[in-house]
């Protein structure tokens, strides 16, 4: 008689990415595990186990009060990542915590260390990191805004003029998406866009064209839905993102090892009036439990960033709204 297959119990954990602003820029907190715990001395994002009948958010609030002595005021869902240690399989429910009351106090005798956080650079200056937490740093480094080009509507020169201003104002992530542009014109625009963006430390992903991205030294590629369905492995680029509209596409993006995803349309858009859209409830339902950062796209403005985060988004993606008219004065 065949014995039933037993699966390891998954331990639910709430983990906090505390973020604060300082004179030197944004920082995130790591805590060192106490000497009396397994993996003692390793650094991790603070948090703890979710108790039976408790939500992950409630566990986060309780653990941060017990461990750090703070009262959480603002915590938004972010990623859910599963990791198997020799002793247990854990599912880490990450929240970004951006407001709290009280001063950090090591109630369990642990050490704290604030680490620098900048676009594409979430740097841990302490070691060793707990294995489950190391990959999270790459996701954490993604900026909150992902701009999508609109040169077909604006014209190439005007788009580049507006891009120059956006980069000077802090834009650090851009998708070049011009599906109706002739190949030679697109290639020329891509070269000029890359030169401008790289001069400001920004990253550029090309929509769909892996070969062109590799040839021109672009920072990555944005996979289309068709590519997601066809590819068996992640393209060899630094950053790989995916355009998604369904739960199946999100799972496929995770399986391919994409760094992040776009999920759309959230709200009605000018380009598809009357078309079906997710709404914030639908967006949150699809984003829930996703292991990679998700940008909300479709009918949004800069004012929607906080709403997007409350519903599980890493940030927002903008098309027309990313390129406001540049005053000639």
Protein backbone atom coordinates (compact mmCIF):
# COMPACT_ATOMS: atom_id res chain seq x y z
CA UNK A 1 0.00 0.00 0.00
CA UNK A 2 1.39 3.37 -1.02
CA UNK A 3 1.89 5.75 1.87
CA UNK A 4 0.28 9.17 1.48
CA UNK A 5 2.61 11.99 0.45
CA UNK A 6 3.22 14.40 3.30
CA UNK A 7 3.88 18.06 2.64
CA UNK A 8 5.84 20.24 5.06
CA UNK A 9 3.76 22.59 7.13
CA UNK A 10 4.10 26.18 5.97
CA UNK A 11 4.78 28.69 8.72
CA UNK A 12 3.12 32.04 8.04
CA UNK A 13 5.33 35.01 8.95
CA UNK A 14 4.70 38.77 8.86
CA UNK A 15 7.80 40.76 7.87
CA UNK A 16 8.24 44.53 8.01
CA UNK A 17 10.21 46.75 5.66
CA UNK A 18 10.47 49.88 7.79
CA UNK A 19 11.35 52.89 5.64
CA UNK A 20 12.32 56.34 6.85
CA UNK A 21 13.75 59.50 5.32
CA UNK A 22 17.01 60.92 6.61
CA UNK A 23 19.41 63.71 5.68
CA UNK A 24 21.34 61.27 3.49
CA UNK A 25 18.25 59.81 1.78
CA UNK A 26 15.75 57.02 2.37
CA UNK A 27 16.75 54.11 4.60
CA UNK A 28 15.31 50.70 5.54
CA UNK A 29 15.75 48.74 8.76
CA UNK A 30 17.39 45.37 9.32
CA UNK A 31 17.51 43.58 12.68
CA UNK A 32 19.98 40.97 13.89
CA UNK A 33 18.56 37.73 15.25
CA UNK A 34 19.25 37.23 18.99
CA UNK A 35 21.71 34.63 20.25
CA UNK A 36 18.96 32.34 21.59
CA UNK A 37 17.20 31.91 18.21
CA UNK A 38 17.95 29.73 15.22
CA UNK A 39 20.14 31.50 12.64
CA UNK A 40 21.49 33.67 15.47
CA UNK A 41 23.52 36.65 14.28
CA UNK A 42 21.91 36.78 10.84
CA UNK A 43 20.25 40.00 9.70
CA UNK A 44 16.64 40.11 8.59
CA UNK A 45 13.57 42.27 8.17
CA UNK A 46 11.88 42.35 11.59
CA UNK A 47 8.64 40.46 12.19
CA UNK A 48 7.40 37.12 13.43
CA UNK A 49 4.98 34.23 13.15
CA UNK A 50 1.30 34.72 12.42
CA UNK A 51 -0.72 33.17 15.23
CA UNK A 52 -3.80 30.98 14.57
CA UNK A 53 -6.82 33.14 13.75
CA UNK A 54 -4.63 36.21 13.23
CA UNK A 55 -4.25 38.15 9.97
CA UNK A 56 -0.77 38.89 8.66
CA UNK A 57 -1.34 42.61 9.23
CA UNK A 58 -2.43 42.05 12.84
CA UNK A 59 0.63 39.86 13.41
CA UNK A 60 2.85 42.59 11.99
CA UNK A 61 1.40 45.21 14.34
CA UNK A 62 1.74 42.90 17.35
CA UNK A 63 5.28 41.75 16.53
CA UNK A 64 6.61 45.26 15.96
CA UNK A 65 5.15 46.38 19.25
CA UNK A 66 6.60 43.39 21.10
CA UNK A 67 10.02 43.38 19.40
CA UNK A 68 10.67 47.05 18.61
CA UNK A 69 8.35 48.92 20.96
CA UNK A 70 6.61 50.86 18.18
CA UNK A 71 2.96 51.32 17.21
CA UNK A 72 2.39 50.92 13.48
CA UNK A 73 0.43 53.74 11.84
CA UNK A 74 0.83 52.91 8.15
CA UNK A 75 1.67 49.50 6.70
CA UNK A 76 0.82 48.46 3.14
CA UNK A 77 0.99 44.90 1.71
CA UNK A 78 3.88 44.33 -0.68
CA UNK A 79 5.21 40.84 -1.49
CA UNK A 80 4.60 37.27 -0.37
CA UNK A 81 7.62 34.98 -0.78
CA UNK A 82 8.03 31.35 0.23
CA UNK A 83 11.36 29.90 1.35
CA UNK A 84 12.37 26.46 2.58
CA UNK A 85 14.97 26.26 5.33
CA UNK A 86 16.34 22.94 6.62
CA UNK A 87 14.09 23.25 9.66
CA UNK A 88 10.92 24.78 8.13
CA UNK A 89 9.14 26.22 5.12
CA UNK A 90 8.07 29.80 5.69
CA UNK A 91 5.76 32.11 3.78
CA UNK A 92 6.87 35.67 4.36
CA UNK A 93 4.14 38.30 4.09
CA UNK A 94 6.07 41.52 3.54
CA UNK A 95 4.60 44.92 4.40
CA UNK A 96 6.14 48.33 3.80
CA UNK A 97 5.86 50.30 7.04
CA UNK A 98 6.23 54.05 6.50
CA UNK A 99 4.72 55.56 9.65
CA UNK A 100 4.86 54.56 13.31
CA UNK A 101 4.84 56.00 16.81
CA UNK A 102 7.54 55.52 19.38
CA UNK A 103 11.31 55.08 19.35
CA UNK A 104 12.83 51.77 18.30
CA UNK A 105 13.81 49.76 21.34
CA UNK A 106 15.39 46.26 21.21
CA UNK A 107 12.98 44.43 23.51
CA UNK A 108 14.67 41.11 22.66
CA UNK A 109 18.22 42.45 22.89
CA UNK A 110 18.74 42.45 19.12
CA UNK A 111 20.82 44.95 17.16
CA UNK A 112 19.33 47.33 14.57
CA UNK A 113 20.93 48.84 11.48
CA UNK A 114 19.46 51.40 9.06
CA UNK A 115 20.57 50.70 5.48
CA UNK A 116 20.62 53.05 2.45
CA UNK A 117 17.76 52.80 -0.05
CA UNK A 118 17.98 54.44 -3.46
CA UNK A 119 16.69 53.65 -6.93
CA UNK A 120 18.19 50.31 -7.99
CA UNK A 121 20.33 50.26 -4.87
CA UNK A 122 18.98 48.76 -1.67
CA UNK A 123 22.31 48.12 -0.04
CA UNK A 124 22.83 45.92 2.99
CA UNK A 125 26.01 46.97 4.76
CA UNK A 126 25.64 44.25 7.38
CA UNK A 127 26.23 40.51 7.07
CA UNK A 128 25.28 37.75 7.00
CA UNK A 129 21.73 38.20 5.73
CA UNK A 130 19.08 35.60 6.41
CA UNK A 131 18.82 33.70 3.07
CA UNK A 132 15.10 34.32 2.61
CA UNK A 133 15.57 38.08 2.82
CA UNK A 134 18.49 38.68 0.45
CA UNK A 135 16.44 38.55 -2.82
CA UNK A 136 13.99 41.09 -1.41
CA UNK A 137 16.59 43.86 -1.60
CA UNK A 138 16.46 43.89 -5.41
CA UNK A 139 12.69 44.28 -5.41
CA UNK A 140 12.88 46.96 -2.73
CA UNK A 141 15.19 49.08 -4.88
CA UNK A 142 12.61 49.61 -7.63
CA UNK A 143 11.30 53.21 -7.77
CA UNK A 144 7.65 54.01 -7.17
CA UNK A 145 7.01 55.41 -10.67
CA UNK A 146 7.35 53.52 -13.95
CA UNK A 147 6.85 55.82 -16.95
CA UNK A 148 5.78 54.57 -20.38
CA UNK A 149 6.85 56.50 -23.47
CA UNK A 150 4.34 58.41 -25.59
CA UNK A 151 6.47 59.52 -28.54
CA UNK A 152 3.93 58.34 -31.11
CA UNK A 153 1.45 60.92 -29.84
CA UNK A 154 3.86 63.68 -28.84
CA UNK A 155 6.44 63.33 -31.60
CA UNK A 156 9.99 62.15 -31.00
CA UNK A 157 11.62 65.51 -30.30
CA UNK A 158 8.86 66.69 -27.97
CA UNK A 159 8.91 63.37 -26.11
CA UNK A 160 12.67 63.66 -25.57
CA UNK A 161 12.24 67.23 -24.34
CA UNK A 162 9.68 66.08 -21.78
CA UNK A 163 11.81 63.08 -20.87
CA UNK A 164 14.75 65.38 -20.17
CA UNK A 165 12.64 67.34 -17.69
CA UNK A 166 11.22 64.21 -16.05
CA UNK A 167 14.71 62.77 -15.57
CA UNK A 168 15.90 66.04 -14.04
CA UNK A 169 12.95 65.84 -11.62
CA UNK A 170 13.83 62.30 -10.51
CA UNK A 171 12.33 59.79 -12.98
CA UNK A 172 14.43 56.62 -12.79
CA UNK A 173 12.48 53.90 -14.62
CA UNK A 174 11.10 54.06 -18.16
CA UNK A 175 9.57 51.68 -20.68
CA UNK A 176 10.07 52.56 -24.34
CA UNK A 177 6.83 51.33 -25.89
CA UNK A 178 6.15 52.55 -29.44
CA UNK A 179 4.44 49.67 -31.22
CA UNK A 180 3.39 51.69 -34.28
CA UNK A 181 6.78 53.28 -34.91
CA UNK A 182 8.83 52.07 -37.92
CA UNK A 183 11.83 49.95 -36.82
CA UNK A 184 14.52 52.38 -37.99
CA UNK A 185 12.80 55.31 -36.26
CA UNK A 186 12.30 53.26 -33.08
CA UNK A 187 15.95 52.25 -33.04
CA UNK A 188 17.08 55.88 -33.37
CA UNK A 189 14.70 56.96 -30.62
CA UNK A 190 15.89 54.14 -28.38
CA UNK A 191 19.51 55.24 -28.75
CA UNK A 192 18.70 58.84 -27.83
CA UNK A 193 16.45 57.73 -24.95
CA UNK A 194 19.15 55.46 -23.52
CA UNK A 195 21.76 58.20 -23.72
CA UNK A 196 19.52 60.64 -21.86
CA UNK A 197 18.36 58.16 -19.24
CA UNK A 198 21.78 56.70 -18.47
CA UNK A 199 23.21 60.18 -18.00
CA UNK A 200 20.76 60.56 -15.10
CA UNK A 201 21.21 57.05 -13.65
CA UNK A 202 17.81 55.89 -14.95
CA UNK A 203 16.91 52.49 -16.38
CA UNK A 204 15.19 51.87 -19.73
CA UNK A 205 13.28 48.70 -20.67
CA UNK A 206 12.30 48.10 -24.29
CA UNK A 207 8.86 46.69 -24.97
CA UNK A 208 8.98 43.21 -26.44
CA UNK A 209 12.26 43.41 -28.40
CA UNK A 210 14.85 41.36 -26.53
CA UNK A 211 17.37 41.39 -29.40
CA UNK A 212 17.28 45.18 -29.74
CA UNK A 213 17.56 45.62 -25.98
CA UNK A 214 20.66 43.44 -25.94
CA UNK A 215 22.17 45.13 -29.01
CA UNK A 216 21.74 48.68 -27.73
CA UNK A 217 22.65 48.01 -24.11
CA UNK A 218 19.18 48.71 -22.75
CA UNK A 219 18.62 47.82 -19.11
CA UNK A 220 16.00 45.22 -19.82
CA UNK A 221 12.83 44.23 -21.59
CA UNK A 222 9.08 44.43 -20.94
CA UNK A 223 7.54 41.14 -22.04
CA UNK A 224 4.17 41.15 -23.77
CA UNK A 225 1.37 38.75 -22.90
CA UNK A 226 2.16 36.70 -26.01
CA UNK A 227 5.82 36.42 -25.03
CA UNK A 228 4.85 35.33 -21.53
CA UNK A 229 2.85 32.46 -22.97
CA UNK A 230 5.61 31.36 -25.36
CA UNK A 231 8.88 31.73 -23.44
CA UNK A 232 10.31 28.81 -21.49
CA UNK A 233 13.05 30.80 -19.76
CA UNK A 234 13.80 34.37 -18.75
CA UNK A 235 15.57 36.47 -21.40
CA UNK A 236 19.20 37.30 -20.65
CA UNK A 237 18.76 40.91 -19.61
CA UNK A 238 19.47 42.81 -16.40
CA UNK A 239 15.82 43.66 -15.70
CA UNK A 240 12.85 41.70 -16.99
CA UNK A 241 9.25 42.82 -16.52
CA UNK A 242 5.94 41.47 -17.79
CA UNK A 243 2.64 42.99 -18.90
CA UNK A 244 -0.19 41.13 -17.17
CA UNK A 245 -3.97 41.27 -17.08
CA UNK A 246 -4.90 38.02 -15.34
CA UNK A 247 -3.87 35.84 -12.42
CA UNK A 248 -2.54 33.24 -14.87
CA UNK A 249 -0.23 35.80 -16.46
CA UNK A 250 1.04 36.93 -13.06
CA UNK A 251 1.84 33.33 -12.10
CA UNK A 252 3.64 32.90 -15.41
CA UNK A 253 5.70 36.05 -14.78
CA UNK A 254 6.70 34.68 -11.38
CA UNK A 255 7.62 31.29 -12.85
CA UNK A 256 9.82 32.92 -15.52
CA UNK A 257 11.70 34.86 -12.86
CA UNK A 258 10.56 38.32 -13.92
CA UNK A 259 11.68 41.13 -11.65
CA UNK A 260 8.30 42.86 -11.63
CA UNK A 261 4.99 43.05 -13.46
CA UNK A 262 2.52 45.59 -14.79
CA UNK A 263 -1.12 44.80 -13.99
CA UNK A 264 -3.81 46.56 -16.00
CA UNK A 265 -6.19 48.15 -16.66
CA UNK A 266 -7.08 49.31 -13.17
CA UNK A 267 -9.40 52.17 -14.15
CA UNK A 268 -11.03 53.27 -17.44
CA UNK A 269 -8.52 54.66 -19.94
CA UNK A 270 -8.62 57.17 -22.79
CA UNK A 271 -7.28 54.61 -25.24
CA UNK A 272 -9.97 52.01 -24.44
CA UNK A 273 -13.15 53.87 -23.41
CA UNK A 274 -15.87 51.57 -22.16
CA UNK A 275 -13.57 48.55 -21.93
CA UNK A 276 -13.63 46.30 -18.87
CA UNK A 277 -11.25 47.23 -16.08
CA UNK A 278 -10.17 45.66 -12.80
CA UNK A 279 -11.08 48.37 -10.32
CA UNK A 280 -9.07 48.59 -7.12
CA UNK A 281 -10.83 45.59 -5.59
CA UNK A 282 -10.01 43.43 -8.61
CA UNK A 283 -6.44 44.68 -8.65
CA UNK A 284 -5.97 43.83 -4.96
CA UNK A 285 -7.42 40.34 -5.45
CA UNK A 286 -4.95 39.58 -8.26
CA UNK A 287 -1.97 41.20 -6.56
CA UNK A 288 -2.55 39.33 -3.29
CA UNK A 289 0.16 36.78 -2.51
CA UNK A 290 2.29 37.77 -5.52
CA UNK A 291 6.02 37.22 -4.99
CA UNK A 292 7.21 40.02 -7.33
CA UNK A 293 6.49 43.76 -7.21
CA UNK A 294 3.48 44.90 -9.21
CA UNK A 295 2.90 48.31 -10.79
CA UNK A 296 -0.70 49.41 -11.24
CA UNK A 297 -1.47 50.72 -14.74
CA UNK A 298 -4.49 52.20 -16.46
CA UNK A 299 -6.33 55.48 -15.96
CA UNK A 300 -4.10 56.60 -13.08
CA UNK A 301 -2.42 59.85 -12.05
CA UNK A 302 0.37 60.62 -9.60
CA UNK A 303 -2.30 61.17 -6.95
CA UNK A 304 -3.17 57.45 -7.10
CA UNK A 305 0.18 56.23 -5.74
CA UNK A 306 -0.94 55.85 -2.13
CA UNK A 307 -4.22 54.19 -3.16
CA UNK A 308 -2.24 51.75 -5.30
CA UNK A 309 0.02 50.83 -2.39
CA UNK A 310 -2.92 50.29 -0.08
CA UNK A 311 -4.13 47.68 -2.57
CA UNK A 312 -0.83 45.82 -2.81
CA UNK A 313 0.99 47.67 -5.59
CA UNK A 314 4.68 48.50 -5.46
CA UNK A 315 3.94 51.70 -7.35
CA UNK A 316 2.16 53.10 -10.40
CA UNK A 317 2.86 53.14 -14.13
CA UNK A 318 1.84 56.16 -16.16
CA UNK A 319 1.62 56.83 -19.89
CA UNK A 320 0.17 60.24 -20.86
CA UNK A 321 0.21 61.43 -17.24
CA UNK A 322 3.98 60.86 -17.10
CA UNK A 323 4.64 63.54 -19.70
CA UNK A 324 2.91 66.81 -18.76
CA UNK A 325 3.38 69.73 -21.12
CA UNK A 326 6.68 71.54 -20.72
CA UNK A 327 6.27 75.29 -20.37
CA UNK A 328 8.28 77.38 -22.81
CA UNK A 329 8.77 80.12 -20.19
